[in-house]
Protein backbone atom coordinates (compact mmCIF):
# COMPACT_ATOMS: atom_id res chain seq x y z
CA MET A 1 118.39 -108.84 -191.98
CA ASN A 2 116.25 -106.35 -193.81
CA HIS A 3 117.50 -105.60 -197.34
CA ARG A 4 115.86 -102.80 -199.28
CA ARG A 5 115.86 -103.08 -203.01
CA LYS A 6 117.59 -100.11 -204.61
CA THR A 7 115.20 -98.29 -206.92
CA THR A 8 115.96 -95.76 -209.61
CA PRO A 9 115.04 -92.24 -208.48
CA LEU A 10 112.36 -90.63 -210.59
CA THR A 11 114.41 -87.62 -211.61
CA PRO A 12 113.83 -85.70 -214.85
CA HIS A 13 117.14 -87.09 -216.15
CA PHE A 14 115.64 -90.57 -215.91
CA VAL A 15 111.96 -89.94 -216.63
CA LEU A 16 112.21 -87.65 -219.67
CA PRO A 17 114.31 -89.99 -221.84
CA CYS A 18 112.05 -92.93 -220.96
CA PHE A 19 108.98 -90.85 -221.80
CA PHE A 20 110.36 -89.80 -225.18
CA VAL A 21 111.44 -93.33 -226.05
CA LEU A 22 107.91 -94.48 -225.29
CA LEU A 23 106.41 -91.69 -227.42
CA TYR A 24 108.77 -92.46 -230.27
CA HIS A 25 107.92 -96.15 -230.05
CA LEU A 26 104.20 -95.42 -230.15
CA GLU A 27 104.63 -93.14 -233.16
CA PHE A 28 106.73 -95.81 -234.92
CA VAL A 29 104.09 -98.49 -234.26
CA ASP A 30 101.43 -96.15 -235.65
CA MET A 31 103.55 -95.45 -238.73
CA SER A 32 104.29 -99.13 -239.30
CA ARG A 33 100.57 -99.85 -239.17
CA LYS A 34 100.14 -97.38 -242.03
CA ALA A 35 103.36 -98.42 -243.78
CA HIS A 36 101.57 -99.73 -246.85
CA LYS A 37 100.56 -96.13 -247.60
CA PHE A 38 104.09 -94.69 -247.33
CA SER A 39 107.41 -95.27 -249.03
CA GLY A 40 110.60 -95.66 -246.97
CA ASN A 41 111.63 -92.03 -247.52
CA GLU A 42 108.26 -90.74 -246.36
CA ILE A 43 108.47 -92.83 -243.17
CA ARG A 44 111.94 -91.42 -242.43
CA HIS A 45 110.66 -87.90 -243.08
CA VAL A 46 107.67 -88.34 -240.72
CA SER A 47 109.94 -89.90 -238.09
CA ALA A 48 112.46 -87.04 -238.33
CA ARG A 49 109.65 -84.49 -238.12
CA PHE A 50 108.31 -86.21 -234.99
CA VAL A 51 111.74 -86.12 -233.31
CA ASP A 52 112.14 -82.44 -234.26
CA ARG A 53 108.76 -81.68 -232.71
CA ILE A 54 109.73 -83.45 -229.47
CA CYS A 55 113.04 -81.56 -229.29
CA GLU A 56 111.27 -78.25 -229.87
CA ASP A 57 108.65 -79.00 -227.20
CA VAL A 58 111.34 -79.97 -224.69
CA SER A 59 113.42 -76.86 -225.37
CA VAL A 60 110.35 -74.63 -224.94
CA ALA A 61 109.41 -76.39 -221.70
CA LEU A 62 112.96 -76.13 -220.36
CA SER A 63 113.24 -72.45 -221.23
CA ARG A 64 109.93 -71.76 -219.48
CA ARG A 65 111.13 -73.66 -216.45
CA ALA A 66 114.43 -71.77 -216.49
CA ASP A 67 112.52 -68.48 -216.64
CA GLU A 68 110.50 -69.54 -213.58
CA VAL A 69 113.59 -70.63 -211.64
CA ILE A 70 115.73 -67.62 -212.58
CA ASP A 71 113.11 -64.94 -212.03
CA PRO A 72 114.71 -61.56 -211.17
CA GLN A 73 111.87 -60.83 -208.73
CA ASN A 74 112.75 -63.97 -206.78
CA LEU A 75 116.39 -62.90 -206.61
CA ASP A 76 115.52 -59.40 -205.33
CA SER A 77 113.25 -60.65 -202.55
CA SER A 78 115.93 -62.80 -200.88
C-alpha cells in the first residue's frame, strides 16, 4: 500500500502569515539584542511601528495585485 503524506499547499493564505511571523521574530530578536539601549516603552513603539510597516507593505502589494487582476483592458478583450 502506497500512502502519500498530506502536505500543506503553499498558498498565499498559508505562506504570507508564516513569512510575517518569521520577519517579526527576526525583528524581535534584533531588538532584544539591543534591549539594553531601549526602555520597555521604546521597544513596544519600535515593534508597533514594524507591524504597521508590514501591514502597509502588504496592503500596497495586494492593491497592486488587485489592479493587475481587475484590469479593464483584460475585461474588454475577452
